[in-house]
Amino acid sequence: MPESHIRPAHHADEAGLGALDRDTWSPLHSVQPPQQPPYDPFFDSNHRPGHFLVAEDADGSVVGYIRLVPPTTLASNRHVRQIQGLAVACGARGRGIGRALLRAAFEEARRQGAMRITLRVLGHNQPARALYESEGFVVEGVLPGEFHLDGQYVDDVLMGRSLLA
């Protein structure tokens, strides 16, 4: 099993991250339809390289990412960071990359002065929910039937955890 390491994203990662995002698309975690060519850029004014940590294999290939951002621009909310995206390449799953990305995001959020971290996950995404719960996240709210996906109404689950101690 090849080793991977976590590092900040760079502009040069754009093509690899875009391909990873498209390859891992699933109605289990996405509320938007899959992208069709021509593809939108992965990075834009709201999705900058500084928002992402990437998991890179020893051969230099990007096998995962996590997006960590302030949830709002409000000064009263600056102690919180939000995870707004986590993906692991299908062929790299089961190696602990998702867990490593989460833990790296905790450290980065602390480095940025955050005391709390939050995320949103679709209610039917049991694998992601189990991972988040195993890393200390708890359900803090549920928006019942918030999305209509593949013919069914799906809850939007709000989760969070402290970064203290």
Protein backbone atom coordinates (compact mmCIF):
# COMPACT_ATOMS: atom_id res chain seq x y z
CA MET A 1 0.00 0.00 0.00
CA PRO A 2 1.71 3.24 -1.10
CA GLU A 3 2.23 5.95 1.49
CA SER A 4 0.59 9.31 1.05
CA HIS A 5 1.15 12.64 2.71
CA ILE A 6 -1.00 15.71 3.22
CA ARG A 7 0.06 19.12 1.92
CA PRO A 8 -1.50 22.44 0.95
CA ALA A 9 -2.92 22.60 -2.57
CA HIS A 10 -1.13 24.50 -5.33
CA HIS A 11 -2.45 26.02 -8.56
CA ALA A 12 -0.64 23.19 -10.40
CA ASP A 13 -3.05 20.70 -8.74
CA GLU A 14 -6.06 22.09 -10.61
CA ALA A 15 -6.28 19.46 -13.37
CA GLY A 16 -5.75 16.56 -10.97
CA LEU A 17 -8.25 17.89 -8.45
CA GLY A 18 -10.84 18.53 -11.16
CA ALA A 19 -10.43 14.98 -12.47
CA LEU A 20 -10.63 13.57 -8.93
CA ASP A 21 -13.80 15.57 -8.28
CA ARG A 22 -15.44 14.27 -11.46
CA ASP A 23 -14.28 10.67 -10.90
CA THR A 24 -15.66 10.56 -7.36
CA TRP A 25 -19.01 12.22 -8.12
CA SER A 26 -21.94 10.36 -6.56
CA PRO A 27 -25.54 11.15 -5.57
CA LEU A 28 -24.51 9.83 -2.16
CA HIS A 29 -22.72 13.12 -1.47
CA SER A 30 -23.47 15.58 -4.27
CA VAL A 31 -26.58 17.73 -4.57
CA GLN A 32 -25.65 18.84 -8.08
CA PRO A 33 -25.65 16.77 -11.28
CA PRO A 34 -22.29 15.51 -12.56
CA GLN A 35 -20.30 18.01 -14.59
CA GLN A 36 -20.32 17.70 -18.34
CA PRO A 37 -17.68 19.03 -20.73
CA PRO A 38 -16.52 21.70 -21.05
CA TYR A 39 -15.61 21.48 -17.38
CA ASP A 40 -15.62 24.47 -15.07
CA PRO A 41 -12.27 25.33 -13.49
CA PHE A 42 -11.71 23.60 -10.14
CA PHE A 43 -10.27 26.77 -8.63
CA ASP A 44 -12.18 30.03 -8.80
CA SER A 45 -12.66 33.11 -6.62
CA ASN A 46 -14.60 31.08 -4.04
CA HIS A 47 -12.47 27.92 -4.27
CA ARG A 48 -8.84 29.00 -3.98
CA PRO A 49 -5.86 26.67 -3.52
CA GLY A 50 -5.43 28.05 0.01
CA HIS A 51 -8.78 26.47 0.95
CA PHE A 52 -7.61 22.95 0.16
CA LEU A 53 -5.36 20.32 1.64
CA VAL A 54 -4.48 17.44 -0.67
CA ALA A 55 -3.37 13.87 -0.09
CA GLU A 56 -0.55 12.99 -2.45
CA ASP A 57 0.85 9.51 -3.09
CA ALA A 58 4.58 8.85 -3.24
CA ASP A 59 4.42 9.02 -7.04
CA GLY A 60 3.06 12.58 -6.85
CA SER A 61 -0.53 11.77 -7.80
CA VAL A 62 -3.28 13.52 -5.88
CA VAL A 63 -5.54 10.91 -4.26
CA GLY A 64 -7.72 13.09 -2.05
CA TYR A 65 -8.61 16.57 -0.89
CA ILE A 66 -10.45 18.42 1.83
CA ARG A 67 -11.76 21.99 1.60
CA LEU A 68 -11.60 24.05 4.79
CA VAL A 69 -13.06 27.57 4.92
CA PRO A 70 -14.58 30.10 7.29
CA PRO A 71 -18.35 29.50 7.17
CA THR A 72 -19.07 33.26 6.95
CA THR A 73 -17.19 36.55 6.71
CA LEU A 74 -18.56 37.71 10.08
CA ALA A 75 -16.04 38.62 12.78
CA SER A 76 -18.31 36.99 15.35
CA ASN A 77 -17.91 33.67 13.47
CA ARG A 78 -14.15 33.75 12.87
CA HIS A 79 -13.48 31.08 15.51
CA VAL A 80 -15.22 28.45 13.31
CA ARG A 81 -14.02 26.61 10.22
CA GLN A 82 -16.22 24.52 7.98
CA ILE A 83 -15.37 21.52 5.85
CA GLN A 84 -16.98 22.08 2.47
CA GLY A 85 -15.77 19.09 0.52
CA LEU A 86 -13.88 15.85 1.06
CA ALA A 87 -13.00 13.37 -1.67
CA VAL A 88 -10.75 10.31 -1.88
CA ALA A 89 -9.95 8.56 -5.16
CA CYS A 90 -11.84 5.30 -5.52
CA GLY A 91 -8.62 3.29 -5.86
CA ALA A 92 -7.17 4.86 -2.70
CA ARG A 93 -10.12 4.20 -0.38
CA GLY A 94 -9.65 2.02 2.66
CA ARG A 95 -6.15 3.37 3.34
CA GLY A 96 -7.11 5.97 5.95
CA ILE A 97 -6.72 8.92 3.61
CA GLY A 98 -10.09 10.45 4.49
CA ARG A 99 -9.28 10.21 8.19
CA ALA A 100 -5.80 11.69 7.62
CA LEU A 101 -7.33 14.59 5.67
CA LEU A 102 -9.81 15.26 8.49
CA ARG A 103 -7.08 15.26 11.10
CA ALA A 104 -4.93 17.55 8.97
CA ALA A 105 -7.92 19.88 8.63
CA PHE A 106 -8.30 19.94 12.43
CA GLU A 107 -4.66 20.98 12.78
CA GLU A 108 -4.93 23.61 10.04
CA ALA A 109 -8.11 25.01 11.58
CA ARG A 110 -6.38 25.26 14.97
CA ARG A 111 -3.39 26.93 13.30
CA GLN A 112 -5.83 29.49 11.88
CA GLY A 113 -7.19 30.14 15.38
CA ALA A 114 -10.40 28.14 15.11
CA MET A 115 -11.96 26.58 18.19
CA ARG A 116 -14.72 24.70 16.36
CA ILE A 117 -15.24 22.88 13.08
CA THR A 118 -18.49 22.10 11.29
CA LEU A 119 -19.74 20.36 8.16
CA ARG A 120 -22.88 19.33 6.32
CA VAL A 121 -23.45 15.79 5.11
CA LEU A 122 -26.37 14.17 3.33
CA GLY A 123 -28.42 11.99 5.64
CA HIS A 124 -28.16 8.90 3.46
CA ASN A 125 -24.34 9.06 3.27
CA GLN A 126 -23.77 6.56 6.07
CA PRO A 127 -20.05 5.91 5.33
CA ALA A 128 -19.20 9.62 5.64
CA ARG A 129 -21.36 10.05 8.73
CA ALA A 130 -19.66 7.08 10.41
CA LEU A 131 -16.21 8.54 9.63
CA TYR A 132 -17.17 11.96 10.99
CA GLU A 133 -18.68 10.48 14.15
CA SER A 134 -15.55 8.39 14.72
CA GLU A 135 -13.55 11.64 14.59
CA GLY A 136 -15.68 13.35 17.25
CA PHE A 137 -18.37 15.09 15.19
CA VAL A 138 -21.90 15.06 16.57
CA VAL A 139 -25.19 15.85 14.87
CA GLU A 140 -26.15 19.41 15.75
CA GLY A 141 -29.16 19.75 13.47
CA VAL A 142 -31.10 18.17 10.65
CA LEU A 143 -32.88 19.87 7.77
CA PRO A 144 -35.45 17.17 6.90
CA GLY A 145 -36.00 16.49 3.21
CA GLU A 146 -33.78 19.43 2.23
CA PHE A 147 -32.81 17.90 -1.13
CA HIS A 148 -34.65 15.83 -3.73
CA LEU A 149 -32.11 13.41 -5.20
CA ASP A 150 -32.70 10.34 -7.37
CA GLY A 151 -36.43 10.47 -6.67
CA GLN A 152 -36.20 10.70 -2.89
CA TYR A 153 -36.08 13.45 -0.30
CA VAL A 154 -32.79 13.50 1.59
CA ASP A 155 -31.96 15.20 4.88
CA ASP A 156 -29.12 17.70 5.22
CA VAL A 157 -27.31 16.83 8.46
CA LEU A 158 -25.33 19.53 10.28
CA MET A 159 -22.42 18.20 12.32
CA GLY A 160 -19.76 19.86 14.43
CA ARG A 161 -17.06 19.33 17.01
CA SER A 162 -14.80 21.29 19.28
CA LEU A 163 -11.14 21.75 18.41
CA LEU A 164 -10.20 22.45 22.03
CA ALA A 165 -8.16 19.93 24.04
